[in-house]
Amino acid sequence: MTSIHDISVTLNDGTETTMADWAGHLLLIVNVASKCGLTPQYEGLQKLYEEYQDRGFFVIGVPCNQFNGQEPGTDAEVCAFAQNQYDVTFPLLSKTEVNGEGTHPLYKVLKDATGGSEIEWNFEKFLVDAEGNMIKRFAPRTEPFAAEVVEAIEENLPI
C-alpha cells in the first residue's frame, strides 16, 4: 500500500506538493462543496482547525464536484467562497475526483484503508494520524464537533 505521505497533491493555488507536507500532523481530510446543504460544516471545520492547530492538527479541504455539481466554481472561486463566507484558513486542495475512474490516489488510499466503499456525499471525513495511518472515517452528516470526532481528535493529537 502507498503511504499517504508519498501522494502528490495540488493546492488550490496550483502549487504541486505531496501529503508529506503534513507528515507528523493529525489530519482531518474532508471533501467539500460550496452549494451543498452540508456546506455550513465549513464553520465547524474552521473552528476545529483553530482549536487544535497548535497541537499538530490540520483540516485539509478537498473540493469535489461529483455530487450533483455542488462545487461548480474554479479553484479560485472555491477558495474565495470558503474564505469570504466561512473565514477558512485551513489548506484547500484543487478540485478533485473522489469516486469513479478518475479517483485521485489520495482517495484511493483513504477508501482502501476503510473498506473500499465509495464516498457517499460531500463532507465525508477521514482522520489520519501523524504517521499517515487511517484512524476513522466519518459520514457526511457527522458534524465536525460531534462527540465522536472531537474524541478521536483529542485521543490522537501528536502534541
C-alpha atoms as a PDB file:
ATOM      1  CA  MET A   1       0.000   0.000   0.000  1.00  0.00           C
ATOM      2  CA  THR A   2       1.187   3.502  -0.825  1.00  0.00           C
ATOM      3  CA  SER A   3       1.965   5.722   2.136  1.00  0.00           C
ATOM      4  CA  ILE A   4      -0.360   8.688   2.260  1.00  0.00           C
ATOM      5  CA  HIS A   5       2.737  10.889   2.591  1.00  0.00           C
ATOM      6  CA  ASP A   6       4.008   9.790  -0.844  1.00  0.00           C
ATOM      7  CA  ILE A   7       0.893  11.008  -2.651  1.00  0.00           C
ATOM      8  CA  SER A   8       1.176  14.073  -4.872  1.00  0.00           C
ATOM      9  CA  VAL A   9      -1.497  16.733  -4.487  1.00  0.00           C
ATOM     10  CA  THR A  10      -2.180  20.151  -5.950  1.00  0.00           C
ATOM     11  CA  LEU A  11      -3.064  23.008  -3.648  1.00  0.00           C
ATOM     12  CA  ASN A  12      -5.916  25.335  -4.519  1.00  0.00           C
ATOM     13  CA  ASP A  13      -3.438  27.947  -5.794  1.00  0.00           C
ATOM     14  CA  GLY A  14      -1.908  25.461  -8.256  1.00  0.00           C
ATOM     15  CA  THR A  15       1.164  24.604  -6.170  1.00  0.00           C
ATOM     16  CA  GLU A  16       2.246  20.983  -6.599  1.00  0.00           C
ATOM     17  CA  THR A  17       3.286  19.191  -3.407  1.00  0.00           C
ATOM     18  CA  THR A  18       2.844  15.914  -1.559  1.00  0.00           C
ATOM     19  CA  MET A  19       0.966  14.906   1.554  1.00  0.00           C
ATOM     20  CA  ALA A  20       4.414  14.732   3.203  1.00  0.00           C
ATOM     21  CA  ASP A  21       3.950  18.474   3.834  1.00  0.00           C
ATOM     22  CA  TRP A  22       1.652  17.404   6.673  1.00  0.00           C
ATOM     23  CA  ALA A  23       3.647  14.406   7.935  1.00  0.00           C
ATOM     24  CA  GLY A  24       3.796  14.453  11.717  1.00  0.00           C
ATOM     25  CA  HIS A  25       0.357  16.089  11.956  1.00  0.00           C
ATOM     26  CA  LEU A  26      -3.082  14.701  12.668  1.00  0.00           C
ATOM     27  CA  LEU A  27      -5.245  15.313   9.587  1.00  0.00           C
ATOM     28  CA  LEU A  28      -8.967  15.560   9.010  1.00  0.00           C
ATOM     29  CA  ILE A  29      -9.382  15.233   5.243  1.00  0.00           C
ATOM     30  CA  VAL A  30     -12.809  16.347   4.021  1.00  0.00           C
ATOM     31  CA  ASN A  31     -14.327  16.531   0.532  1.00  0.00           C
ATOM     32  CA  VAL A  32     -16.084  19.903   0.463  1.00  0.00           C
ATOM     33  CA  ALA A  33     -18.592  21.725  -1.733  1.00  0.00           C
ATOM     34  CA  SER A  34     -19.949  25.272  -1.682  1.00  0.00           C
ATOM     35  CA  LYS A  35     -23.503  24.604  -2.875  1.00  0.00           C
ATOM     36  CA  CYS A  36     -24.469  21.699  -0.627  1.00  0.00           C
ATOM     37  CA  GLY A  37     -26.898  21.517   2.256  1.00  0.00           C
ATOM     38  CA  LEU A  38     -23.907  20.466   4.376  1.00  0.00           C
ATOM     39  CA  THR A  39     -21.771  23.469   3.360  1.00  0.00           C
ATOM     40  CA  PRO A  40     -22.278  25.165   6.759  1.00  0.00           C
ATOM     41  CA  GLN A  41     -19.957  22.463   8.133  1.00  0.00           C
ATOM     42  CA  TYR A  42     -17.158  24.705   6.875  1.00  0.00           C
ATOM     43  CA  GLU A  43     -17.753  26.790  10.007  1.00  0.00           C
ATOM     44  CA  GLY A  44     -17.201  23.835  12.335  1.00  0.00           C
ATOM     45  CA  LEU A  45     -14.205  22.619  10.359  1.00  0.00           C
ATOM     46  CA  GLN A  46     -12.579  26.049  10.680  1.00  0.00           C
ATOM     47  CA  LYS A  47     -13.277  26.125  14.424  1.00  0.00           C
ATOM     48  CA  LEU A  48     -11.742  22.645  14.829  1.00  0.00           C
ATOM     49  CA  TYR A  49      -8.683  23.802  12.927  1.00  0.00           C
ATOM     50  CA  GLU A  50      -8.324  26.924  15.062  1.00  0.00           C
ATOM     51  CA  GLU A  51      -8.796  24.995  18.294  1.00  0.00           C
ATOM     52  CA  TYR A  52      -6.285  22.226  17.594  1.00  0.00           C
ATOM     53  CA  GLN A  53      -3.775  23.593  15.064  1.00  0.00           C
ATOM     54  CA  ASP A  54      -1.259  24.486  17.774  1.00  0.00           C
ATOM     55  CA  ARG A  55      -1.263  20.825  18.817  1.00  0.00           C
ATOM     56  CA  GLY A  56      -0.350  19.418  15.401  1.00  0.00           C
ATOM     57  CA  PHE A  57      -3.773  19.235  13.723  1.00  0.00           C
ATOM     58  CA  PHE A  58      -4.780  20.219  10.189  1.00  0.00           C
ATOM     59  CA  VAL A  59      -8.041  20.159   8.298  1.00  0.00           C
ATOM     60  CA  ILE A  60      -7.440  19.556   4.588  1.00  0.00           C
ATOM     61  CA  GLY A  61     -10.386  20.585   2.403  1.00  0.00           C
ATOM     62  CA  VAL A  62     -10.762  18.737  -0.894  1.00  0.00           C
ATOM     63  CA  PRO A  63     -13.284  20.431  -3.193  1.00  0.00           C
ATOM     64  CA  CYS A  64     -15.228  17.958  -5.305  1.00  0.00           C
ATOM     65  CA  ASN A  65     -17.903  18.499  -7.952  1.00  0.00           C
ATOM     66  CA  GLN A  66     -19.046  14.871  -8.258  1.00  0.00           C
ATOM     67  CA  PHE A  67     -22.203  15.155  -6.155  1.00  0.00           C
ATOM     68  CA  ASN A  68     -24.964  16.914  -8.097  1.00  0.00           C
ATOM     69  CA  GLY A  69     -22.480  19.522  -9.369  1.00  0.00           C
ATOM     70  CA  GLN A  70     -22.398  21.203  -5.967  1.00  0.00           C
ATOM     71  CA  GLU A  71     -18.854  22.563  -6.423  1.00  0.00           C
ATOM     72  CA  PRO A  72     -19.079  24.163  -9.879  1.00  0.00           C
ATOM     73  CA  GLY A  73     -16.608  27.032  -9.442  1.00  0.00           C
ATOM     74  CA  THR A  74     -12.979  27.340 -10.387  1.00  0.00           C
ATOM     75  CA  ASP A  75     -10.324  26.715  -7.746  1.00  0.00           C
ATOM     76  CA  ALA A  76     -10.061  30.476  -7.216  1.00  0.00           C
ATOM     77  CA  GLU A  77     -13.841  30.789  -6.798  1.00  0.00           C
ATOM     78  CA  VAL A  78     -13.911  27.871  -4.351  1.00  0.00           C
ATOM     79  CA  CYS A  79     -11.157  29.484  -2.282  1.00  0.00           C
ATOM     80  CA  ALA A  80     -12.822  32.908  -2.328  1.00  0.00           C
ATOM     81  CA  PHE A  81     -16.140  31.399  -1.236  1.00  0.00           C
ATOM     82  CA  ALA A  82     -14.583  29.454   1.661  1.00  0.00           C
ATOM     83  CA  GLN A  83     -12.607  32.472   2.838  1.00  0.00           C
ATOM     84  CA  ASN A  84     -15.360  35.064   2.388  1.00  0.00           C
ATOM     85  CA  GLN A  85     -18.276  33.027   3.750  1.00  0.00           C
ATOM     86  CA  TYR A  86     -16.560  30.967   6.462  1.00  0.00           C
ATOM     87  CA  ASP A  87     -13.172  32.627   7.094  1.00  0.00           C
ATOM     88  CA  VAL A  88     -11.434  29.376   6.125  1.00  0.00           C
ATOM     89  CA  THR A  89      -7.692  29.400   6.735  1.00  0.00           C
ATOM     90  CA  PHE A  90      -7.029  25.658   6.540  1.00  0.00           C
ATOM     91  CA  PRO A  91      -5.485  24.287   3.344  1.00  0.00           C
ATOM     92  CA  LEU A  92      -7.674  23.586   0.325  1.00  0.00           C
ATOM     93  CA  LEU A  93      -6.602  21.319  -2.499  1.00  0.00           C
ATOM     94  CA  SER A  94      -7.605  21.852  -6.108  1.00  0.00           C
ATOM     95  CA  LYS A  95     -10.876  20.283  -7.238  1.00  0.00           C
ATOM     96  CA  THR A  96     -10.519  16.520  -7.034  1.00  0.00           C
ATOM     97  CA  GLU A  97     -12.443  13.407  -8.027  1.00  0.00           C
ATOM     98  CA  VAL A  98     -13.132  11.120  -5.076  1.00  0.00           C
ATOM     99  CA  ASN A  99     -15.082   8.329  -6.828  1.00  0.00           C
ATOM    100  CA  GLY A 100     -15.051   6.537 -10.165  1.00  0.00           C
ATOM    101  CA  GLU A 101     -12.358   6.061 -12.791  1.00  0.00           C
ATOM    102  CA  GLY A 102     -10.759   9.441 -12.084  1.00  0.00           C
ATOM    103  CA  THR A 103     -10.448   8.894  -8.337  1.00  0.00           C
ATOM    104  CA  HIS A 104      -7.424  10.759  -7.026  1.00  0.00           C
ATOM    105  CA  PRO A 105      -4.739   8.493  -5.475  1.00  0.00           C
ATOM    106  CA  LEU A 106      -5.314  10.172  -2.099  1.00  0.00           C
ATOM    107  CA  TYR A 107      -8.905   8.991  -2.091  1.00  0.00           C
ATOM    108  CA  LYS A 108      -7.957   5.534  -3.353  1.00  0.00           C
ATOM    109  CA  VAL A 109      -5.720   5.130  -0.291  1.00  0.00           C
ATOM    110  CA  LEU A 110      -8.285   6.626   2.104  1.00  0.00           C
ATOM    111  CA  LYS A 111     -11.097   4.425   0.799  1.00  0.00           C
ATOM    112  CA  ASP A 112      -8.949   1.269   0.682  1.00  0.00           C
ATOM    113  CA  ALA A 113      -7.909   1.845   4.308  1.00  0.00           C
ATOM    114  CA  THR A 114     -11.568   2.000   5.355  1.00  0.00           C
ATOM    115  CA  GLY A 115     -13.001  -0.970   3.483  1.00  0.00           C
ATOM    116  CA  GLY A 116     -13.069   0.397  -0.064  1.00  0.00           C
ATOM    117  CA  SER A 117     -16.600   1.819  -0.188  1.00  0.00           C
ATOM    118  CA  GLU A 118     -17.257   4.858  -2.342  1.00  0.00           C
ATOM    119  CA  ILE A 119     -17.590   8.343  -0.905  1.00  0.00           C
ATOM    120  CA  GLU A 120     -21.258   8.790  -0.037  1.00  0.00           C
ATOM    121  CA  TRP A 121     -21.589  12.577  -0.382  1.00  0.00           C
ATOM    122  CA  ASN A 122     -19.892  15.915   0.264  1.00  0.00           C
ATOM    123  CA  PHE A 123     -18.267  16.413   3.676  1.00  0.00           C
ATOM    124  CA  GLU A 124     -17.224  12.812   4.295  1.00  0.00           C
ATOM    125  CA  LYS A 125     -14.338  12.962   6.758  1.00  0.00           C
ATOM    126  CA  PHE A 126     -11.174  10.874   7.208  1.00  0.00           C
ATOM    127  CA  LEU A 127      -8.998  11.181  10.295  1.00  0.00           C
ATOM    128  CA  VAL A 128      -5.363  10.261   9.600  1.00  0.00           C
ATOM    129  CA  ASP A 129      -2.661  10.057  12.270  1.00  0.00           C
ATOM    130  CA  ALA A 130       0.750  11.736  12.253  1.00  0.00           C
ATOM    131  CA  GLU A 131       2.358   8.669  10.632  1.00  0.00           C
ATOM    132  CA  GLY A 132      -0.217   8.582   7.839  1.00  0.00           C
ATOM    133  CA  ASN A 133      -2.366   5.751   9.214  1.00  0.00           C
ATOM    134  CA  MET A 134      -6.128   5.846   8.898  1.00  0.00           C
ATOM    135  CA  ILE A 135      -7.868   6.255  12.249  1.00  0.00           C
ATOM    136  CA  LYS A 136     -11.542   6.696  11.419  1.00  0.00           C
ATOM    137  CA  ARG A 137     -13.987   7.594   8.666  1.00  0.00           C
ATOM    138  CA  PHE A 138     -16.988   9.795   9.463  1.00  0.00           C
ATOM    139  CA  ALA A 139     -20.209  10.050   7.446  1.00  0.00           C
ATOM    140  CA  PRO A 140     -21.053  13.318   5.680  1.00  0.00           C
ATOM    141  CA  ARG A 141     -23.792  14.274   8.134  1.00  0.00           C
ATOM    142  CA  THR A 142     -21.466  13.816  11.117  1.00  0.00           C
ATOM    143  CA  GLU A 143     -20.877  17.369  12.285  1.00  0.00           C
ATOM    144  CA  PRO A 144     -17.269  18.494  12.830  1.00  0.00           C
ATOM    145  CA  PHE A 145     -17.886  18.961  16.569  1.00  0.00           C
ATOM    146  CA  ALA A 146     -19.755  15.671  17.050  1.00  0.00           C
ATOM    147  CA  ALA A 147     -18.514  13.927  20.194  1.00  0.00           C
ATOM    148  CA  GLU A 148     -17.049  11.019  18.218  1.00  0.00           C
ATOM    149  CA  VAL A 149     -14.995  13.389  16.024  1.00  0.00           C
ATOM    150  CA  VAL A 150     -13.696  15.509  18.912  1.00  0.00           C
ATOM    151  CA  GLU A 151     -12.843  12.411  20.994  1.00  0.00           C
ATOM    152  CA  ALA A 152     -10.934  10.843  18.104  1.00  0.00           C
ATOM    153  CA  ILE A 153      -9.013  14.089  17.513  1.00  0.00           C
ATOM    154  CA  GLU A 154      -8.138  14.544  21.167  1.00  0.00           C
ATOM    155  CA  GLU A 155      -7.019  10.903  21.529  1.00  0.00           C
ATOM    156  CA  ASN A 156      -4.648  11.196  18.563  1.00  0.00           C
ATOM    157  CA  LEU A 157      -3.145  14.681  18.727  1.00  0.00           C
ATOM    158  CA  PRO A 158       0.644  14.438  18.284  1.00  0.00           C
ATOM    159  CA  ILE A 159       1.370  17.353  20.632  1.00  0.00           C
END
